[in-house]
Amino acid sequence: MKHLKPLPIKTQIKQYIKTLFDMLNPGDQLRTEDVYKYCKRMTGKQFYPDTAIRYLREMRQNNVLNYTCINKQERIIKVLSPGEVHSL
């Protein structure tokens, strides 16, 4: 039987970000640190927190998910409905 290669860490992190957002509703708020901690726990891998945040922004640019930053200093984001206008 052929062994399957594990998915690259980038793919895993993006899948877990999508899974996390699928559990949330428009209007829900969370910190970017929560996204990092969730992905770290689910992958079991060490990576920089900014890595998850970079993928989060990339996924918003590609219209995979929608959120806005409501407090940049405390890194609080708010989940938006698809098509709802967000800040850059």
N, C-alpha and C. Protein backbone atom coordinates (compact mmCIF):
# COMPACT_ATOMS: atom_id res chain seq x y z
N MET A 1 0.83 -1.18 0.00
CA MET A 1 0.00 0.00 0.00
C MET A 1 0.88 1.24 0.00
N LYS A 2 0.54 2.18 -0.84
CA LYS A 2 1.32 3.40 -0.98
C LYS A 2 0.97 4.37 0.16
N HIS A 3 2.01 4.95 0.78
CA HIS A 3 1.79 5.92 1.85
C HIS A 3 1.53 7.29 1.25
N LEU A 4 0.52 7.96 1.77
CA LEU A 4 0.21 9.30 1.31
C LEU A 4 1.10 10.31 2.01
N LYS A 5 1.55 11.30 1.24
CA LYS A 5 2.35 12.37 1.84
C LYS A 5 1.43 13.29 2.62
N PRO A 6 1.88 13.76 3.78
CA PRO A 6 1.05 14.73 4.50
C PRO A 6 0.94 16.02 3.70
N LEU A 7 -0.17 16.69 3.90
CA LEU A 7 -0.38 17.97 3.21
C LEU A 7 0.65 18.98 3.68
N PRO A 8 1.07 19.89 2.78
CA PRO A 8 2.00 20.95 3.20
C PRO A 8 1.36 21.78 4.32
N ILE A 9 2.19 22.32 5.21
CA ILE A 9 1.69 23.06 6.37
C ILE A 9 0.81 24.24 5.94
N LYS A 10 1.15 24.91 4.84
CA LYS A 10 0.33 26.04 4.38
C LYS A 10 -1.10 25.56 4.07
N THR A 11 -1.21 24.46 3.40
CA THR A 11 -2.53 23.91 3.05
C THR A 11 -3.29 23.54 4.32
N GLN A 12 -2.61 22.92 5.27
CA GLN A 12 -3.25 22.53 6.52
C GLN A 12 -3.78 23.76 7.26
N ILE A 13 -2.94 24.78 7.39
CA ILE A 13 -3.33 25.99 8.12
C ILE A 13 -4.54 26.63 7.45
N LYS A 14 -4.51 26.75 6.14
CA LYS A 14 -5.62 27.37 5.42
C LYS A 14 -6.91 26.56 5.58
N GLN A 15 -6.80 25.25 5.58
CA GLN A 15 -7.98 24.41 5.77
C GLN A 15 -8.57 24.62 7.17
N TYR A 16 -7.70 24.74 8.17
CA TYR A 16 -8.19 24.93 9.54
C TYR A 16 -8.75 26.34 9.74
N ILE A 17 -8.19 27.33 9.07
CA ILE A 17 -8.77 28.67 9.13
C ILE A 17 -10.18 28.63 8.56
N LYS A 18 -10.34 27.98 7.42
CA LYS A 18 -11.66 27.86 6.78
C LYS A 18 -12.63 27.10 7.70
N THR A 19 -12.17 26.03 8.32
CA THR A 19 -13.00 25.27 9.25
C THR A 19 -13.45 26.14 10.42
N LEU A 20 -12.53 26.92 10.97
CA LEU A 20 -12.86 27.80 12.08
C LEU A 20 -13.92 28.82 11.66
N PHE A 21 -13.73 29.46 10.51
CA PHE A 21 -14.69 30.46 10.04
C PHE A 21 -16.04 29.84 9.71
N ASP A 22 -16.05 28.58 9.27
CA ASP A 22 -17.31 27.90 8.99
C ASP A 22 -18.13 27.68 10.27
N MET A 23 -17.47 27.66 11.42
CA MET A 23 -18.15 27.48 12.70
C MET A 23 -18.70 28.81 13.25
N LEU A 24 -18.28 29.92 12.64
CA LEU A 24 -18.67 31.24 13.14
C LEU A 24 -19.82 31.81 12.31
N ASN A 25 -20.48 32.80 12.87
CA ASN A 25 -21.58 33.50 12.20
C ASN A 25 -21.20 34.95 11.96
N PRO A 26 -21.79 35.58 10.95
CA PRO A 26 -21.55 37.00 10.75
C PRO A 26 -21.85 37.77 12.05
N GLY A 27 -20.94 38.66 12.39
CA GLY A 27 -21.07 39.43 13.63
C GLY A 27 -20.22 38.88 14.76
N ASP A 28 -19.82 37.60 14.67
CA ASP A 28 -18.94 37.03 15.70
C ASP A 28 -17.59 37.73 15.66
N GLN A 29 -16.97 37.86 16.83
CA GLN A 29 -15.66 38.50 16.93
C GLN A 29 -14.66 37.54 17.54
N LEU A 30 -13.41 37.67 17.12
CA LEU A 30 -12.34 36.89 17.69
C LEU A 30 -11.04 37.63 17.48
N ARG A 31 -10.03 37.19 18.17
CA ARG A 31 -8.71 37.79 18.03
C ARG A 31 -7.90 36.95 17.04
N THR A 32 -6.99 37.61 16.34
CA THR A 32 -6.15 36.86 15.41
C THR A 32 -5.33 35.81 16.16
N GLU A 33 -5.04 36.06 17.42
CA GLU A 33 -4.34 35.09 18.25
C GLU A 33 -5.15 33.80 18.38
N ASP A 34 -6.48 33.92 18.43
CA ASP A 34 -7.35 32.75 18.51
C ASP A 34 -7.21 31.89 17.25
N VAL A 35 -7.11 32.55 16.10
CA VAL A 35 -6.94 31.84 14.83
C VAL A 35 -5.63 31.06 14.85
N TYR A 36 -4.55 31.73 15.28
CA TYR A 36 -3.24 31.08 15.37
C TYR A 36 -3.29 29.88 16.32
N LYS A 37 -3.85 30.07 17.52
CA LYS A 37 -3.88 28.99 18.51
C LYS A 37 -4.69 27.79 18.01
N TYR A 38 -5.80 28.06 17.34
CA TYR A 38 -6.63 26.99 16.80
C TYR A 38 -5.84 26.19 15.76
N CYS A 39 -5.20 26.89 14.85
CA CYS A 39 -4.44 26.20 13.78
C CYS A 39 -3.26 25.44 14.36
N LYS A 40 -2.60 26.02 15.34
CA LYS A 40 -1.46 25.35 15.97
C LYS A 40 -1.91 24.07 16.66
N ARG A 41 -3.04 24.15 17.38
CA ARG A 41 -3.56 22.97 18.07
C ARG A 41 -3.98 21.88 17.08
N MET A 42 -4.63 22.29 16.00
CA MET A 42 -5.14 21.31 15.04
C MET A 42 -4.03 20.66 14.21
N THR A 43 -3.00 21.45 13.85
CA THR A 43 -1.91 20.89 13.04
C THR A 43 -0.89 20.15 13.89
N GLY A 44 -0.76 20.56 15.16
CA GLY A 44 0.27 19.98 16.01
C GLY A 44 1.66 20.44 15.63
N LYS A 45 1.74 21.52 14.85
CA LYS A 45 3.02 22.02 14.36
C LYS A 45 3.32 23.40 14.95
N GLN A 46 4.60 23.72 15.01
CA GLN A 46 5.04 25.05 15.42
C GLN A 46 5.20 25.92 14.18
N PHE A 47 4.68 27.13 14.23
CA PHE A 47 4.88 28.11 13.17
C PHE A 47 4.65 29.49 13.77
N TYR A 48 5.12 30.50 13.08
CA TYR A 48 4.98 31.87 13.58
C TYR A 48 3.52 32.32 13.52
N PRO A 49 3.05 33.05 14.55
CA PRO A 49 1.67 33.56 14.52
C PRO A 49 1.37 34.38 13.27
N ASP A 50 2.35 35.14 12.79
CA ASP A 50 2.13 35.97 11.60
C ASP A 50 1.85 35.13 10.36
N THR A 51 2.28 33.88 10.37
CA THR A 51 2.01 33.00 9.24
C THR A 51 0.51 32.79 9.08
N ALA A 52 -0.16 32.47 10.17
CA ALA A 52 -1.62 32.25 10.12
C ALA A 52 -2.33 33.55 9.73
N ILE A 53 -1.86 34.68 10.24
CA ILE A 53 -2.48 35.97 9.93
C ILE A 53 -2.30 36.31 8.46
N ARG A 54 -1.13 36.01 7.92
CA ARG A 54 -0.87 36.24 6.49
C ARG A 54 -1.81 35.40 5.63
N TYR A 55 -2.02 34.13 5.99
CA TYR A 55 -2.94 33.27 5.24
C TYR A 55 -4.38 33.76 5.39
N LEU A 56 -4.72 34.27 6.56
CA LEU A 56 -6.04 34.83 6.81
C LEU A 56 -6.31 35.99 5.84
N ARG A 57 -5.34 36.90 5.73
CA ARG A 57 -5.48 38.04 4.80
C ARG A 57 -5.55 37.56 3.35
N GLU A 58 -4.72 36.58 3.02
CA GLU A 58 -4.71 36.04 1.66
C GLU A 58 -6.08 35.44 1.30
N MET A 59 -6.67 34.73 2.26
CA MET A 59 -7.96 34.10 2.02
C MET A 59 -9.07 35.16 1.86
N ARG A 60 -8.94 36.28 2.57
CA ARG A 60 -9.92 37.36 2.40
C ARG A 60 -9.75 37.99 1.01
N GLN A 61 -8.51 38.22 0.58
CA GLN A 61 -8.26 38.78 -0.74
C GLN A 61 -8.80 37.88 -1.84
N ASN A 62 -8.77 36.58 -1.62
CA ASN A 62 -9.26 35.61 -2.61
C ASN A 62 -10.74 35.28 -2.44
N ASN A 63 -11.42 36.05 -1.58
CA ASN A 63 -12.86 35.90 -1.33
C ASN A 63 -13.25 34.52 -0.80
N VAL A 64 -12.35 33.90 -0.06
CA VAL A 64 -12.65 32.61 0.56
C VAL A 64 -13.42 32.85 1.85
N LEU A 65 -13.09 33.93 2.55
CA LEU A 65 -13.80 34.32 3.76
C LEU A 65 -13.83 35.83 3.85
N ASN A 66 -14.67 36.35 4.74
CA ASN A 66 -14.85 37.79 4.84
C ASN A 66 -14.86 38.21 6.30
N TYR A 67 -14.04 39.19 6.62
CA TYR A 67 -13.96 39.74 7.97
C TYR A 67 -13.42 41.16 7.87
N THR A 68 -13.54 41.89 8.97
CA THR A 68 -12.94 43.21 9.06
C THR A 68 -12.25 43.32 10.41
N CYS A 69 -11.24 44.15 10.46
CA CYS A 69 -10.53 44.39 11.71
C CYS A 69 -11.23 45.54 12.42
N ILE A 70 -11.76 45.26 13.61
CA ILE A 70 -12.48 46.31 14.33
C ILE A 70 -11.61 46.98 15.40
N ASN A 71 -10.48 46.35 15.74
CA ASN A 71 -9.54 46.96 16.67
C ASN A 71 -8.14 46.46 16.32
N LYS A 72 -7.42 47.29 15.56
CA LYS A 72 -6.10 46.87 15.08
C LYS A 72 -5.11 46.67 16.22
N GLN A 73 -5.19 47.53 17.22
CA GLN A 73 -4.25 47.45 18.34
C GLN A 73 -4.39 46.13 19.09
N GLU A 74 -5.64 45.69 19.31
CA GLU A 74 -5.88 44.45 20.04
C GLU A 74 -6.09 43.26 19.09
N ARG A 75 -5.98 43.52 17.79
CA ARG A 75 -6.11 42.48 16.76
C ARG A 75 -7.44 41.72 16.84
N ILE A 76 -8.50 42.48 16.96
CA ILE A 76 -9.84 41.89 17.03
C ILE A 76 -10.48 41.99 15.65
N ILE A 77 -10.97 40.86 15.16
CA ILE A 77 -11.63 40.85 13.87
C ILE A 77 -13.10 40.45 14.04
N LYS A 78 -13.91 40.89 13.10
CA LYS A 78 -15.34 40.60 13.11
C LYS A 78 -15.68 39.88 11.81
N VAL A 79 -16.36 38.75 11.94
CA VAL A 79 -16.77 37.97 10.77
C VAL A 79 -17.90 38.73 10.07
N LEU A 80 -17.80 38.85 8.74
CA LEU A 80 -18.79 39.52 7.93
C LEU A 80 -19.51 38.53 7.01
N SER A 81 -20.68 38.92 6.57
CA SER A 81 -21.40 38.12 5.57
C SER A 81 -20.66 38.20 4.24
N PRO A 82 -20.79 37.19 3.39
CA PRO A 82 -20.18 37.27 2.07
C PRO A 82 -20.68 38.52 1.34
N GLY A 83 -19.78 39.26 0.75
CA GLY A 83 -20.14 40.45 -0.01
C GLY A 83 -20.23 41.72 0.83
N GLU A 84 -20.29 41.59 2.15
CA GLU A 84 -20.33 42.77 3.01
C GLU A 84 -18.97 43.48 2.92
N VAL A 85 -18.99 44.80 2.93
CA VAL A 85 -17.77 45.61 2.76
C VAL A 85 -16.91 45.52 4.01
N HIS A 86 -15.61 45.34 3.80
CA HIS A 86 -14.67 45.27 4.90
C HIS A 86 -13.61 46.36 4.77
N SER A 87 -12.93 46.65 5.86
CA SER A 87 -11.82 47.60 5.82
C SER A 87 -10.59 46.88 5.32
N LEU A 88 -9.64 47.62 4.78
CA LEU A 88 -8.40 46.99 4.32
C LEU A 88 -7.36 47.06 5.36
